[in-house]
Amino acid sequence: DKKMSSRELALYIHAMMVACMDPRDFYGENLVQELRRRTEASGNYTNPFQILVLCNAGDTMTSKDVDRVTVAYDSQHRPFWTGR
């Protein structure tokens, strides 16, 4: 019994949308809702890719989603003049 990671789930949702399939009805399962549930349960840090997938799937973006993306960006952004 292998459980799919949230990252893998996000990739599958994107792939389904590219193939014009409905990730909200995958053999009766709502994969977008499952990704949202996992995103909300993940605490303070969420991979911004998951937020992008939720947005592309038409899920409602929350202020917490924006905060999560901002935190992820700020943690990686380094001005070019620091040499790091």
PDB file of N, CA and C in Angstrom:
ATOM      1  N   ASP A   1       0.849  -1.184   0.000  1.00  0.00           N
ATOM      2  CA  ASP A   1       0.000   0.000   0.000  1.00  0.00           C
ATOM      3  C   ASP A   1       0.889   1.240   0.000  1.00  0.00           C
ATOM      4  N   LYS A   2       1.131   1.797  -1.168  1.00  0.00           N
ATOM      5  CA  LYS A   2       1.989   2.975  -1.290  1.00  0.00           C
ATOM      6  C   LYS A   2       1.136   4.236  -1.312  1.00  0.00           C
ATOM      7  N   LYS A   3       1.469   5.172  -0.448  1.00  0.00           N
ATOM      8  CA  LYS A   3       0.738   6.428  -0.394  1.00  0.00           C
ATOM      9  C   LYS A   3       1.457   7.473  -1.233  1.00  0.00           C
ATOM     10  N   MET A   4       0.715   8.204  -2.020  1.00  0.00           N
ATOM     11  CA  MET A   4       1.265   9.235  -2.882  1.00  0.00           C
ATOM     12  C   MET A   4       1.577  10.483  -2.052  1.00  0.00           C
ATOM     13  N   SER A   5       2.751  11.084  -2.296  1.00  0.00           N
ATOM     14  CA  SER A   5       3.106  12.314  -1.594  1.00  0.00           C
ATOM     15  C   SER A   5       2.260  13.471  -2.134  1.00  0.00           C
ATOM     16  N   SER A   6       2.221  14.556  -1.392  1.00  0.00           N
ATOM     17  CA  SER A   6       1.478  15.738  -1.840  1.00  0.00           C
ATOM     18  C   SER A   6       2.067  16.292  -3.128  1.00  0.00           C
ATOM     19  N   ARG A   7       3.371  16.241  -3.248  1.00  0.00           N
ATOM     20  CA  ARG A   7       4.035  16.715  -4.471  1.00  0.00           C
ATOM     21  C   ARG A   7       3.615  15.866  -5.671  1.00  0.00           C
ATOM     22  N   GLU A   8       3.595  14.562  -5.486  1.00  0.00           N
ATOM     23  CA  GLU A   8       3.160  13.669  -6.571  1.00  0.00           C
ATOM     24  C   GLU A   8       1.690  13.909  -6.921  1.00  0.00           C
ATOM     25  N   LEU A   9       0.875  14.108  -5.912  1.00  0.00           N
ATOM     26  CA  LEU A   9      -0.540  14.386  -6.141  1.00  0.00           C
ATOM     27  C   LEU A   9      -0.696  15.659  -6.966  1.00  0.00           C
ATOM     28  N   ALA A  10       0.072  16.685  -6.628  1.00  0.00           N
ATOM     29  CA  ALA A  10       0.029  17.941  -7.383  1.00  0.00           C
ATOM     30  C   ALA A  10       0.436  17.715  -8.841  1.00  0.00           C
ATOM     31  N   LEU A  11       1.466  16.917  -9.061  1.00  0.00           N
ATOM     32  CA  LEU A  11       1.899  16.612 -10.431  1.00  0.00           C
ATOM     33  C   LEU A  11       0.802  15.881 -11.205  1.00  0.00           C
ATOM     34  N   TYR A  12       0.147  14.937 -10.566  1.00  0.00           N
ATOM     35  CA  TYR A  12      -0.939  14.198 -11.218  1.00  0.00           C
ATOM     36  C   TYR A  12      -2.101  15.125 -11.566  1.00  0.00           C
ATOM     37  N   ILE A  13      -2.431  16.035 -10.661  1.00  0.00           N
ATOM     38  CA  ILE A  13      -3.522  16.976 -10.930  1.00  0.00           C
ATOM     39  C   ILE A  13      -3.189  17.830 -12.146  1.00  0.00           C
ATOM     40  N   HIS A  14      -1.972  18.352 -12.204  1.00  0.00           N
ATOM     41  CA  HIS A  14      -1.568  19.150 -13.366  1.00  0.00           C
ATOM     42  C   HIS A  14      -1.622  18.319 -14.642  1.00  0.00           C
ATOM     43  N   ALA A  15      -1.124  17.104 -14.586  1.00  0.00           N
ATOM     44  CA  ALA A  15      -1.130  16.236 -15.768  1.00  0.00           C
ATOM     45  C   ALA A  15      -2.558  15.955 -16.230  1.00  0.00           C
ATOM     46  N   MET A  16      -3.455  15.751 -15.290  1.00  0.00           N
ATOM     47  CA  MET A  16      -4.846  15.498 -15.653  1.00  0.00           C
ATOM     48  C   MET A  16      -5.462  16.709 -16.344  1.00  0.00           C
ATOM     49  N   MET A  17      -5.159  17.902 -15.849  1.00  0.00           N
ATOM     50  CA  MET A  17      -5.710  19.105 -16.471  1.00  0.00           C
ATOM     51  C   MET A  17      -5.165  19.286 -17.886  1.00  0.00           C
ATOM     52  N   VAL A  18      -3.887  18.985 -18.095  1.00  0.00           N
ATOM     53  CA  VAL A  18      -3.296  19.072 -19.433  1.00  0.00           C
ATOM     54  C   VAL A  18      -3.989  18.100 -20.384  1.00  0.00           C
ATOM     55  N   ALA A  19      -4.380  16.956 -19.865  1.00  0.00           N
ATOM     56  CA  ALA A  19      -5.058  15.937 -20.676  1.00  0.00           C
ATOM     57  C   ALA A  19      -6.578  16.155 -20.737  1.00  0.00           C
ATOM     58  N   CYS A  20      -7.022  17.336 -20.287  1.00  0.00           N
ATOM     59  CA  CYS A  20      -8.463  17.683 -20.283  1.00  0.00           C
ATOM     60  C   CYS A  20      -9.297  16.707 -19.459  1.00  0.00           C
ATOM     61  N   MET A  21      -8.708  16.199 -18.386  1.00  0.00           N
ATOM     62  CA  MET A  21      -9.434  15.335 -17.451  1.00  0.00           C
ATOM     63  C   MET A  21      -9.797  16.166 -16.220  1.00  0.00           C
ATOM     64  N   ASP A  22     -10.834  15.778 -15.536  1.00  0.00           N
ATOM     65  CA  ASP A  22     -11.301  16.512 -14.368  1.00  0.00           C
ATOM     66  C   ASP A  22     -10.709  15.918 -13.088  1.00  0.00           C
ATOM     67  N   PRO A  23      -9.748  16.626 -12.464  1.00  0.00           N
ATOM     68  CA  PRO A  23      -9.162  16.099 -11.231  1.00  0.00           C
ATOM     69  C   PRO A  23     -10.125  16.144 -10.046  1.00  0.00           C
ATOM     70  N   ARG A  24     -11.271  16.766 -10.233  1.00  0.00           N
ATOM     71  CA  ARG A  24     -12.282  16.802  -9.167  1.00  0.00           C
ATOM     72  C   ARG A  24     -13.194  15.571  -9.211  1.00  0.00           C
ATOM     73  N   ASP A  25     -13.025  14.782 -10.267  1.00  0.00           N
ATOM     74  CA  ASP A  25     -13.821  13.550 -10.385  1.00  0.00           C
ATOM     75  C   ASP A  25     -12.962  12.454 -11.014  1.00  0.00           C
ATOM     76  N   PHE A  26     -12.003  11.976 -10.256  1.00  0.00           N
ATOM     77  CA  PHE A  26     -11.123  10.904 -10.702  1.00  0.00           C
ATOM     78  C   PHE A  26     -11.627   9.612 -10.075  1.00  0.00           C
ATOM     79  N   TYR A  27     -12.429   8.879 -10.823  1.00  0.00           N
ATOM     80  CA  TYR A  27     -13.076   7.665 -10.312  1.00  0.00           C
ATOM     81  C   TYR A  27     -13.815   7.941  -9.004  1.00  0.00           C
ATOM     82  N   GLY A  28     -14.484   9.087  -8.984  1.00  0.00           N
ATOM     83  CA  GLY A  28     -15.272   9.461  -7.817  1.00  0.00           C
ATOM     84  C   GLY A  28     -14.503  10.185  -6.728  1.00  0.00           C
ATOM     85  N   GLU A  29     -13.211  10.366  -6.906  1.00  0.00           N
ATOM     86  CA  GLU A  29     -12.379  11.050  -5.907  1.00  0.00           C
ATOM     87  C   GLU A  29     -12.086  12.477  -6.361  1.00  0.00           C
ATOM     88  N   ASN A  30     -12.166  13.418  -5.439  1.00  0.00           N
ATOM     89  CA  ASN A  30     -11.836  14.807  -5.723  1.00  0.00           C
ATOM     90  C   ASN A  30     -10.382  15.040  -5.306  1.00  0.00           C
ATOM     91  N   LEU A  31      -9.479  14.971  -6.276  1.00  0.00           N
ATOM     92  CA  LEU A  31      -8.047  15.102  -5.984  1.00  0.00           C
ATOM     93  C   LEU A  31      -7.676  16.520  -5.578  1.00  0.00           C
ATOM     94  N   VAL A  32      -8.388  17.510  -6.112  1.00  0.00           N
ATOM     95  CA  VAL A  32      -8.118  18.904  -5.745  1.00  0.00           C
ATOM     96  C   VAL A  32      -8.459  19.112  -4.270  1.00  0.00           C
ATOM     97  N   GLN A  33      -9.576  18.584  -3.850  1.00  0.00           N
ATOM     98  CA  GLN A  33      -9.981  18.685  -2.445  1.00  0.00           C
ATOM     99  C   GLN A  33      -8.967  17.974  -1.540  1.00  0.00           C
ATOM    100  N   GLU A  34      -8.456  16.844  -1.985  1.00  0.00           N
ATOM    101  CA  GLU A  34      -7.454  16.115  -1.198  1.00  0.00           C
ATOM    102  C   GLU A  34      -6.162  16.917  -1.086  1.00  0.00           C
ATOM    103  N   LEU A  35      -5.738  17.547  -2.180  1.00  0.00           N
ATOM    104  CA  LEU A  35      -4.529  18.375  -2.120  1.00  0.00           C
ATOM    105  C   LEU A  35      -4.749  19.571  -1.201  1.00  0.00           C
ATOM    106  N   ARG A  36      -5.929  20.170  -1.259  1.00  0.00           N
ATOM    107  CA  ARG A  36      -6.249  21.291  -0.357  1.00  0.00           C
ATOM    108  C   ARG A  36      -6.195  20.817   1.088  1.00  0.00           C
ATOM    109  N   ARG A  37      -6.764  19.662   1.375  1.00  0.00           N
ATOM    110  CA  ARG A  37      -6.748  19.126   2.744  1.00  0.00           C
ATOM    111  C   ARG A  37      -5.322  18.938   3.232  1.00  0.00           C
ATOM    112  N   ARG A  38      -4.489  18.361   2.391  1.00  0.00           N
ATOM    113  CA  ARG A  38      -3.089  18.136   2.768  1.00  0.00           C
ATOM    114  C   ARG A  38      -2.338  19.447   2.941  1.00  0.00           C
ATOM    115  N   THR A  39      -2.634  20.406   2.084  1.00  0.00           N
ATOM    116  CA  THR A  39      -1.973  21.710   2.172  1.00  0.00           C
ATOM    117  C   THR A  39      -2.325  22.391   3.487  1.00  0.00           C
ATOM    118  N   GLU A  40      -3.584  22.345   3.863  1.00  0.00           N
ATOM    119  CA  GLU A  40      -4.020  22.960   5.119  1.00  0.00           C
ATOM    120  C   GLU A  40      -3.428  22.238   6.327  1.00  0.00           C
ATOM    121  N   ALA A  41      -3.225  20.946   6.217  1.00  0.00           N
ATOM    122  CA  ALA A  41      -2.704  20.157   7.339  1.00  0.00           C
ATOM    123  C   ALA A  41      -1.189  20.237   7.466  1.00  0.00           C
ATOM    124  N   SER A  42      -0.537  20.812   6.465  1.00  0.00           N
ATOM    125  CA  SER A  42       0.930  20.771   6.442  1.00  0.00           C
ATOM    126  C   SER A  42       1.604  21.785   7.353  1.00  0.00           C
ATOM    127  N   GLY A  43       0.844  22.622   8.023  1.00  0.00           N
ATOM    128  CA  GLY A  43       1.456  23.589   8.922  1.00  0.00           C
ATOM    129  C   GLY A  43       1.860  24.858   8.198  1.00  0.00           C
ATOM    130  N   ASN A  44       2.971  25.446   8.634  1.00  0.00           N
ATOM    131  CA  ASN A  44       3.371  26.749   8.106  1.00  0.00           C
ATOM    132  C   ASN A  44       4.002  26.694   6.726  1.00  0.00           C
ATOM    133  N   TYR A  45       4.757  25.631   6.415  1.00  0.00           N
ATOM    134  CA  TYR A  45       5.433  25.593   5.115  1.00  0.00           C
ATOM    135  C   TYR A  45       4.695  24.686   4.139  1.00  0.00           C
ATOM    136  N   THR A  46       4.519  25.191   2.950  1.00  0.00           N
ATOM    137  CA  THR A  46       3.939  24.419   1.856  1.00  0.00           C
ATOM    138  C   THR A  46       4.741  24.712   0.611  1.00  0.00           C
ATOM    139  N   ASN A  47       5.043  23.691  -0.165  1.00  0.00           N
ATOM    140  CA  ASN A  47       5.722  23.890  -1.434  1.00  0.00           C
ATOM    141  C   ASN A  47       4.849  24.801  -2.299  1.00  0.00           C
ATOM    142  N   PRO A  48       5.404  25.915  -2.798  1.00  0.00           N
ATOM    143  CA  PRO A  48       4.608  26.837  -3.617  1.00  0.00           C
ATOM    144  C   PRO A  48       3.991  26.171  -4.846  1.00  0.00           C
ATOM    145  N   PHE A  49       4.605  25.096  -5.339  1.00  0.00           N
ATOM    146  CA  PHE A  49       4.056  24.375  -6.485  1.00  0.00           C
ATOM    147  C   PHE A  49       2.654  23.856  -6.174  1.00  0.00           C
ATOM    148  N   GLN A  50       2.432  23.417  -4.945  1.00  0.00           N
ATOM    149  CA  GLN A  50       1.110  22.927  -4.557  1.00  0.00           C
ATOM    150  C   GLN A  50       0.081  24.046  -4.638  1.00  0.00           C
ATOM    151  N   ILE A  51       0.471  25.244  -4.219  1.00  0.00           N
ATOM    152  CA  ILE A  51      -0.437  26.388  -4.278  1.00  0.00           C
ATOM    153  C   ILE A  51      -0.747  26.725  -5.735  1.00  0.00           C
ATOM    154  N   LEU A  52       0.274  26.660  -6.596  1.00  0.00           N
ATOM    155  CA  LEU A  52       0.080  26.914  -8.024  1.00  0.00           C
ATOM    156  C   LEU A  52      -0.912  25.917  -8.624  1.00  0.00           C
ATOM    157  N   VAL A  53      -0.766  24.655  -8.270  1.00  0.00           N
ATOM    158  CA  VAL A  53      -1.675  23.626  -8.784  1.00  0.00           C
ATOM    159  C   VAL A  53      -3.105  23.896  -8.316  1.00  0.00           C
ATOM    160  N   LEU A  54      -3.264  24.231  -7.052  1.00  0.00           N
ATOM    161  CA  LEU A  54      -4.606  24.535  -6.547  1.00  0.00           C
ATOM    162  C   LEU A  54      -5.211  25.721  -7.295  1.00  0.00           C
ATOM    163  N   CYS A  55      -4.399  26.736  -7.533  1.00  0.00           N
ATOM    164  CA  CYS A  55      -4.859  27.909  -8.276  1.00  0.00           C
ATOM    165  C   CYS A  55      -5.256  27.522  -9.698  1.00  0.00           C
ATOM    166  N   ASN A  56      -4.400  26.775 -10.378  1.00  0.00           N
ATOM    167  CA  ASN A  56      -4.692  26.359 -11.757  1.00  0.00           C
ATOM    168  C   ASN A  56      -5.929  25.470 -11.843  1.00  0.00           C
ATOM    169  N   ALA A  57      -6.201  24.747 -10.770  1.00  0.00           N
ATOM    170  CA  ALA A  57      -7.374  23.868 -10.741  1.00  0.00           C
ATOM    171  C   ALA A  57      -8.648  24.627 -10.368  1.00  0.00           C
ATOM    172  N   GLY A  58      -8.514  25.938 -10.155  1.00  0.00           N
ATOM    173  CA  GLY A  58      -9.684  26.758  -9.861  1.00  0.00           C
ATOM    174  C   GLY A  58     -10.096  26.781  -8.408  1.00  0.00           C
ATOM    175  N   ASP A  59      -9.220  26.310  -7.524  1.00  0.00           N
ATOM    176  CA  ASP A  59      -9.535  26.341  -6.098  1.00  0.00           C
ATOM    177  C   ASP A  59      -9.426  27.782  -5.599  1.00  0.00           C
ATOM    178  N   THR A  60     -10.172  28.115  -4.582  1.00  0.00           N
ATOM    179  CA  THR A  60     -10.147  29.459  -4.021  1.00  0.00           C
ATOM    180  C   THR A  60      -8.838  29.690  -3.277  1.00  0.00           C
ATOM    181  N   MET A  61      -8.164  30.781  -3.619  1.00  0.00           N
ATOM    182  CA  MET A  61      -6.926  31.130  -2.937  1.00  0.00           C
ATOM    183  C   MET A  61      -7.258  31.922  -1.674  1.00  0.00           C
ATOM    184  N   THR A  62      -6.563  31.596  -0.601  1.00  0.00           N
ATOM    185  CA  THR A  62      -6.783  32.262   0.678  1.00  0.00           C
ATOM    186  C   THR A  62      -5.598  33.160   0.997  1.00  0.00           C
ATOM    187  N   SER A  63      -5.768  34.019   1.983  1.00  0.00           N
ATOM    188  CA  SER A  63      -4.652  34.869   2.405  1.00  0.00           C
ATOM    189  C   SER A  63      -3.525  34.002   2.971  1.00  0.00           C
ATOM    190  N   LYS A  64      -3.874  32.872   3.564  1.00  0.00           N
ATOM    191  CA  LYS A  64      -2.854  31.948   4.071  1.00  0.00           C
ATOM    192  C   LYS A  64      -2.033  31.364   2.917  1.00  0.00           C
ATOM    193  N   ASP A  65      -2.673  31.092   1.773  1.00  0.00           N
ATOM    194  CA  ASP A  65      -1.947  30.614   0.594  1.00  0.00           C
ATOM    195  C   ASP A  65      -0.926  31.654   0.146  1.00  0.00           C
ATOM    196  N   VAL A  66      -1.360  32.903   0.081  1.00  0.00           N
ATOM    197  CA  VAL A  66      -0.460  33.985  -0.332  1.00  0.00           C
ATOM    198  C   VAL A  66       0.692  34.102   0.660  1.00  0.00           C
ATOM    199  N   ASP A  67       0.399  34.023   1.946  1.00  0.00           N
ATOM    200  CA  ASP A  67       1.448  34.086   2.970  1.00  0.00           C
ATOM    201  C   ASP A  67       2.448  32.947   2.807  1.00  0.00           C
ATOM    202  N   ARG A  68       1.968  31.751   2.511  1.00  0.00           N
ATOM    203  CA  ARG A  68       2.859  30.595   2.346  1.00  0.00           C
ATOM    204  C   ARG A  68       3.797  30.786   1.159  1.00  0.00           C
ATOM    205  N   VAL A  69       3.274  31.298   0.061  1.00  0.00           N
ATOM    206  CA  VAL A  69       4.115  31.538  -1.115  1.00  0.00           C
ATOM    207  C   VAL A  69       5.124  32.639  -0.818  1.00  0.00           C
ATOM    208  N   THR A  70       4.694  33.680  -0.129  1.00  0.00           N
ATOM    209  CA  THR A  70       5.588  34.786   0.218  1.00  0.00           C
ATOM    210  C   THR A  70       6.714  34.315   1.123  1.00  0.00           C
ATOM    211  N   VAL A  71       6.397  33.506   2.117  1.00  0.00           N
ATOM    212  CA  VAL A  71       7.421  32.968   3.024  1.00  0.00           C
ATOM    213  C   VAL A  71       8.420  32.113   2.251  1.00  0.00           C
ATOM    214  N   ALA A  72       7.929  31.275   1.359  1.00  0.00           N
ATOM    215  CA  ALA A  72       8.821  30.424   0.560  1.00  0.00           C
ATOM    216  C   ALA A  72       9.724  31.274  -0.318  1.00  0.00           C
ATOM    217  N   TYR A  73       9.176  32.318  -0.933  1.00  0.00           N
ATOM    218  CA  TYR A  73       9.973  33.204  -1.779  1.00  0.00           C
ATOM    219  C   TYR A  73      11.025  33.923  -0.946  1.00  0.00           C
ATOM    220  N   ASP A  74      10.601  34.507   0.171  1.00  0.00           N
ATOM    221  CA  ASP A  74      11.531  35.259   1.016  1.00  0.00           C
ATOM    222  C   ASP A  74      12.662  34.387   1.543  1.00  0.00           C
ATOM    223  N   SER A  75      12.379  33.114   1.808  1.00  0.00           N
ATOM    224  CA  SER A  75      13.420  32.231   2.341  1.00  0.00           C
ATOM    225  C   SER A  75      14.464  31.883   1.287  1.00  0.00           C
ATOM    226  N   GLN A  76      14.112  31.995   0.010  1.00  0.00           N
ATOM    227  CA  GLN A  76      15.035  31.648  -1.075  1.00  0.00           C
ATOM    228  C   GLN A  76      15.630  32.860  -1.770  1.00  0.00           C
ATOM    229  N   HIS A  77      14.991  34.002  -1.633  1.00  0.00           N
ATOM    230  CA  HIS A  77      15.429  35.191  -2.363  1.00  0.00           C
ATOM    231  C   HIS A  77      16.649  35.813  -1.693  1.00  0.00           C
ATOM    232  N   ARG A  78      17.687  35.960  -2.481  1.00  0.00           N
ATOM    233  CA  ARG A  78      18.894  36.628  -1.996  1.00  0.00           C
ATOM    234  C   ARG A  78      19.292  37.655  -3.044  1.00  0.00           C
ATOM    235  N   PRO A  79      19.516  38.881  -2.640  1.00  0.00           N
ATOM    236  CA  PRO A  79      19.925  39.897  -3.616  1.00  0.00           C
ATOM    237  C   PRO A  79      21.198  39.476  -4.343  1.00  0.00           C
ATOM    238  N   PHE A  80      21.262  39.778  -5.640  1.00  0.00           N
ATOM    239  CA  PHE A  80      22.388  39.325  -6.467  1.00  0.00           C
ATOM    240  C   PHE A  80      23.717  39.909  -6.030  1.00  0.00           C
ATOM    241  N   TRP A  81      23.737  41.029  -5.358  1.00  0.00           N
ATOM    242  CA  TRP A  81      24.992  41.662  -4.989  1.00  0.00           C
ATOM    243  C   TRP A  81      25.653  41.032  -3.763  1.00  0.00           C
ATOM    244  N   THR A  82      25.012  40.091  -3.102  1.00  0.00           N
ATOM    245  CA  THR A  82      25.631  39.460  -1.937  1.00  0.00           C
ATOM    246  C   THR A  82      26.592  38.352  -2.337  1.00  0.00           C
ATOM    247  N   GLY A  83      26.490  37.885  -3.580  1.00  0.00           N
ATOM    248  CA  GLY A  83      27.374  36.818  -4.026  1.00  0.00           C
ATOM    249  C   GLY A  83      26.957  35.446  -3.517  1.00  0.00           C
ATOM    250  N   ARG A  84      25.763  35.333  -2.958  1.00  0.00           N
ATOM    251  CA  ARG A  84      25.310  34.043  -2.425  1.00  0.00           C
ATOM    252  C   ARG A  84      24.170  33.501  -3.205  1.00  0.00           C
TER     253      ARG A  84
END
